[in-house]
């Protein structure tokens, strides 16, 4: 038998993600977030949400040609002289 996991309510997910509950419902309506609709009640599978978040991770930018290092040095020199 398949084990049922506790599903997440929209208010719980909103709090976890730090967004308004209305944003969660908007994402559902627009098909942007995986969800279940059980007789009109919206719920989320924790594993699907974790995967959805992982898929949206944006890696840090690489240091191309020292540009980022140069910008850091500029900021550091401005703050140290102030």
N, C-alpha and C. Protein backbone atom coordinates (compact mmCIF):
# COMPACT_ATOMS: atom_id res chain seq x y z
N UNK A 1 0.84 -1.19 0.00
CA UNK A 1 0.00 0.00 0.00
C UNK A 1 0.88 1.25 0.00
N UNK A 2 0.50 2.23 -0.76
CA UNK A 2 1.25 3.48 -0.85
C UNK A 2 1.05 4.29 0.43
N UNK A 3 2.16 4.80 0.96
CA UNK A 3 2.08 5.62 2.17
C UNK A 3 1.63 7.02 1.81
N UNK A 4 0.64 7.52 2.51
CA UNK A 4 0.16 8.89 2.28
C UNK A 4 0.95 9.84 3.16
N UNK A 5 1.43 10.91 2.54
CA UNK A 5 2.15 11.94 3.29
C UNK A 5 1.18 13.06 3.63
N UNK A 6 1.48 13.77 4.70
CA UNK A 6 0.66 14.91 5.06
C UNK A 6 0.80 15.99 3.99
N UNK A 7 -0.30 16.45 3.48
CA UNK A 7 -0.29 17.51 2.47
C UNK A 7 -0.22 18.87 3.15
N UNK A 8 0.31 19.84 2.42
CA UNK A 8 0.50 21.19 2.95
C UNK A 8 -0.67 22.07 2.52
N UNK A 9 -1.17 22.86 3.47
CA UNK A 9 -2.25 23.82 3.16
C UNK A 9 -1.65 25.09 2.54
N UNK A 10 -2.45 25.84 1.78
CA UNK A 10 -1.94 27.08 1.16
C UNK A 10 -1.37 28.08 2.17
N UNK A 11 -2.01 28.22 3.33
CA UNK A 11 -1.49 29.17 4.32
C UNK A 11 -0.14 28.72 4.87
N UNK A 12 0.05 27.42 5.03
CA UNK A 12 1.34 26.89 5.50
C UNK A 12 2.44 27.14 4.47
N UNK A 13 2.12 26.89 3.20
CA UNK A 13 3.10 27.10 2.13
C UNK A 13 3.44 28.58 1.99
N UNK A 14 2.44 29.44 2.09
CA UNK A 14 2.67 30.88 2.00
C UNK A 14 3.63 31.34 3.10
N UNK A 15 3.41 30.86 4.31
CA UNK A 15 4.29 31.23 5.42
C UNK A 15 5.70 30.71 5.19
N UNK A 16 5.82 29.47 4.74
CA UNK A 16 7.12 28.87 4.50
C UNK A 16 7.90 29.63 3.43
N UNK A 17 7.22 30.03 2.36
CA UNK A 17 7.88 30.72 1.25
C UNK A 17 7.99 32.22 1.47
N UNK A 18 7.32 32.74 2.48
CA UNK A 18 7.38 34.17 2.76
C UNK A 18 6.62 35.01 1.75
N UNK A 19 5.51 34.47 1.25
CA UNK A 19 4.67 35.21 0.31
C UNK A 19 3.25 35.24 0.85
N UNK A 20 2.42 36.08 0.28
CA UNK A 20 1.02 36.16 0.69
C UNK A 20 0.26 34.92 0.20
N UNK A 21 -0.77 34.57 0.94
CA UNK A 21 -1.59 33.41 0.56
C UNK A 21 -2.25 33.64 -0.79
N UNK A 22 -2.61 34.86 -1.09
CA UNK A 22 -3.22 35.17 -2.38
C UNK A 22 -2.24 34.88 -3.53
N UNK A 23 -0.96 35.04 -3.27
CA UNK A 23 0.07 34.72 -4.27
C UNK A 23 0.08 33.23 -4.56
N UNK A 24 -0.04 32.42 -3.53
CA UNK A 24 -0.08 30.96 -3.70
C UNK A 24 -1.28 30.58 -4.58
N UNK A 25 -2.44 31.13 -4.28
CA UNK A 25 -3.63 30.82 -5.10
C UNK A 25 -3.47 31.31 -6.53
N UNK A 26 -2.84 32.45 -6.71
CA UNK A 26 -2.59 32.97 -8.05
C UNK A 26 -1.68 32.03 -8.84
N UNK A 27 -0.61 31.54 -8.20
CA UNK A 27 0.29 30.59 -8.86
C UNK A 27 -0.45 29.33 -9.26
N UNK A 28 -1.38 28.88 -8.40
CA UNK A 28 -2.18 27.69 -8.72
C UNK A 28 -3.06 27.95 -9.94
N UNK A 29 -3.78 29.05 -9.93
CA UNK A 29 -4.67 29.38 -11.06
C UNK A 29 -3.91 29.46 -12.37
N UNK A 30 -2.68 29.99 -12.31
CA UNK A 30 -1.87 30.17 -13.51
C UNK A 30 -1.06 28.94 -13.88
N UNK A 31 -1.16 27.88 -13.06
CA UNK A 31 -0.46 26.64 -13.35
C UNK A 31 1.04 26.73 -13.13
N UNK A 32 1.47 27.60 -12.24
CA UNK A 32 2.90 27.81 -12.02
C UNK A 32 3.48 26.93 -10.92
N UNK A 33 2.62 26.34 -10.10
CA UNK A 33 3.08 25.55 -8.96
C UNK A 33 2.30 24.23 -8.92
N UNK A 34 2.99 23.12 -8.64
CA UNK A 34 2.27 21.84 -8.58
C UNK A 34 1.35 21.79 -7.36
N UNK A 35 0.12 21.39 -7.60
CA UNK A 35 -0.85 21.32 -6.51
C UNK A 35 -1.91 20.27 -6.79
N UNK A 36 -2.65 19.95 -5.75
CA UNK A 36 -3.78 19.03 -5.86
C UNK A 36 -5.05 19.81 -5.55
N UNK A 37 -6.12 19.47 -6.22
CA UNK A 37 -7.39 20.09 -5.90
C UNK A 37 -8.36 18.96 -5.57
N UNK A 38 -8.71 18.86 -4.30
CA UNK A 38 -9.58 17.80 -3.81
C UNK A 38 -10.94 18.39 -3.47
N UNK A 39 -11.90 18.18 -4.37
CA UNK A 39 -13.25 18.73 -4.17
C UNK A 39 -13.20 20.23 -3.86
N UNK A 40 -12.35 20.95 -4.60
CA UNK A 40 -12.25 22.40 -4.45
C UNK A 40 -11.25 22.85 -3.40
N UNK A 41 -10.65 21.92 -2.66
CA UNK A 41 -9.68 22.28 -1.61
C UNK A 41 -8.28 22.12 -2.19
N UNK A 42 -7.48 23.16 -2.11
CA UNK A 42 -6.12 23.14 -2.66
C UNK A 42 -5.14 22.64 -1.60
N UNK A 43 -4.30 21.70 -2.01
CA UNK A 43 -3.26 21.17 -1.13
C UNK A 43 -2.00 20.93 -1.95
N UNK A 44 -0.87 20.79 -1.25
CA UNK A 44 0.43 20.63 -1.91
C UNK A 44 1.16 19.43 -1.34
N UNK A 45 1.79 18.67 -2.22
CA UNK A 45 2.62 17.54 -1.82
C UNK A 45 4.01 18.10 -1.47
N UNK A 46 4.51 17.84 -0.27
CA UNK A 46 5.80 18.40 0.13
C UNK A 46 6.95 18.01 -0.79
N UNK A 47 6.95 16.77 -1.30
CA UNK A 47 8.02 16.34 -2.20
C UNK A 47 7.97 17.10 -3.52
N UNK A 48 6.76 17.30 -4.05
CA UNK A 48 6.62 18.05 -5.30
C UNK A 48 7.04 19.51 -5.12
N UNK A 49 6.72 20.10 -3.99
CA UNK A 49 7.09 21.49 -3.72
C UNK A 49 8.61 21.61 -3.59
N UNK A 50 9.23 20.65 -2.90
CA UNK A 50 10.69 20.67 -2.75
C UNK A 50 11.36 20.58 -4.11
N UNK A 51 10.86 19.72 -4.99
CA UNK A 51 11.41 19.58 -6.34
C UNK A 51 11.19 20.86 -7.14
N UNK A 52 10.01 21.44 -7.02
CA UNK A 52 9.66 22.68 -7.72
C UNK A 52 10.63 23.79 -7.31
N UNK A 53 10.96 23.86 -6.04
CA UNK A 53 11.91 24.87 -5.55
C UNK A 53 13.30 24.60 -6.10
N UNK A 54 13.73 23.33 -6.05
CA UNK A 54 15.07 22.97 -6.57
C UNK A 54 15.20 23.34 -8.05
N UNK A 55 14.14 23.13 -8.83
CA UNK A 55 14.18 23.44 -10.26
C UNK A 55 14.34 24.93 -10.53
N UNK A 56 13.99 25.76 -9.57
CA UNK A 56 14.04 27.20 -9.77
C UNK A 56 15.28 27.85 -9.19
N UNK A 57 16.16 27.04 -8.63
CA UNK A 57 17.39 27.58 -8.05
C UNK A 57 18.24 28.22 -9.15
N UNK A 58 18.72 29.40 -8.88
CA UNK A 58 19.58 30.12 -9.81
C UNK A 58 20.99 30.12 -9.21
N UNK A 59 21.95 29.52 -9.90
CA UNK A 59 23.31 29.47 -9.35
C UNK A 59 23.94 30.86 -9.32
N UNK A 60 24.92 31.01 -8.43
CA UNK A 60 25.65 32.27 -8.36
C UNK A 60 26.39 32.51 -9.67
N UNK A 61 26.51 33.77 -10.03
CA UNK A 61 27.22 34.10 -11.26
C UNK A 61 28.70 33.85 -11.09
N UNK A 62 29.34 33.46 -12.17
CA UNK A 62 30.78 33.23 -12.15
C UNK A 62 31.50 34.56 -12.23
N UNK A 63 32.73 34.56 -11.81
CA UNK A 63 33.56 35.75 -11.83
C UNK A 63 34.20 35.86 -13.22
N UNK A 64 33.53 36.53 -14.13
CA UNK A 64 34.02 36.67 -15.49
C UNK A 64 35.00 37.83 -15.60
N UNK A 65 36.26 37.51 -15.87
CA UNK A 65 37.27 38.53 -16.12
C UNK A 65 37.54 39.45 -14.95
N UNK A 66 37.29 39.00 -13.74
CA UNK A 66 37.58 39.83 -12.58
C UNK A 66 36.58 40.94 -12.35
N UNK A 67 35.49 40.98 -13.09
CA UNK A 67 34.52 42.06 -12.97
C UNK A 67 33.94 42.12 -11.56
N UNK A 68 33.54 40.98 -11.03
CA UNK A 68 32.94 40.97 -9.70
C UNK A 68 33.97 41.38 -8.65
N UNK A 69 35.21 40.89 -8.77
CA UNK A 69 36.27 41.26 -7.83
C UNK A 69 36.54 42.76 -7.89
N UNK A 70 36.56 43.32 -9.07
CA UNK A 70 36.79 44.75 -9.23
C UNK A 70 35.66 45.55 -8.58
N UNK A 71 34.44 45.10 -8.74
CA UNK A 71 33.31 45.80 -8.14
C UNK A 71 33.39 45.72 -6.61
N UNK A 72 33.79 44.57 -6.08
CA UNK A 72 33.93 44.43 -4.63
C UNK A 72 35.00 45.37 -4.11
N UNK A 73 36.14 45.44 -4.81
CA UNK A 73 37.24 46.32 -4.38
C UNK A 73 36.78 47.76 -4.37
N UNK A 74 35.99 48.15 -5.38
CA UNK A 74 35.49 49.51 -5.46
C UNK A 74 34.58 49.82 -4.28
N UNK A 75 33.68 48.90 -3.96
CA UNK A 75 32.77 49.09 -2.84
C UNK A 75 33.53 49.13 -1.53
N UNK A 76 34.51 48.23 -1.37
CA UNK A 76 35.32 48.17 -0.16
C UNK A 76 36.11 49.46 0.03
N UNK A 77 36.69 49.99 -1.04
CA UNK A 77 37.49 51.20 -0.92
C UNK A 77 36.59 52.40 -0.59
N UNK A 78 35.37 52.42 -1.09
CA UNK A 78 34.46 53.53 -0.78
C UNK A 78 34.02 53.48 0.68
N UNK A 79 33.75 52.28 1.20
CA UNK A 79 33.29 52.17 2.58
C UNK A 79 34.43 52.37 3.58
N UNK A 80 35.67 52.04 3.21
CA UNK A 80 36.78 52.20 4.14
C UNK A 80 37.21 53.66 4.24
N UNK A 81 36.94 54.47 3.23
CA UNK A 81 37.32 55.87 3.27
C UNK A 81 36.25 56.73 3.90
N UNK A 82 35.07 56.18 4.07
CA UNK A 82 33.96 56.97 4.62
C UNK A 82 34.02 57.09 6.12
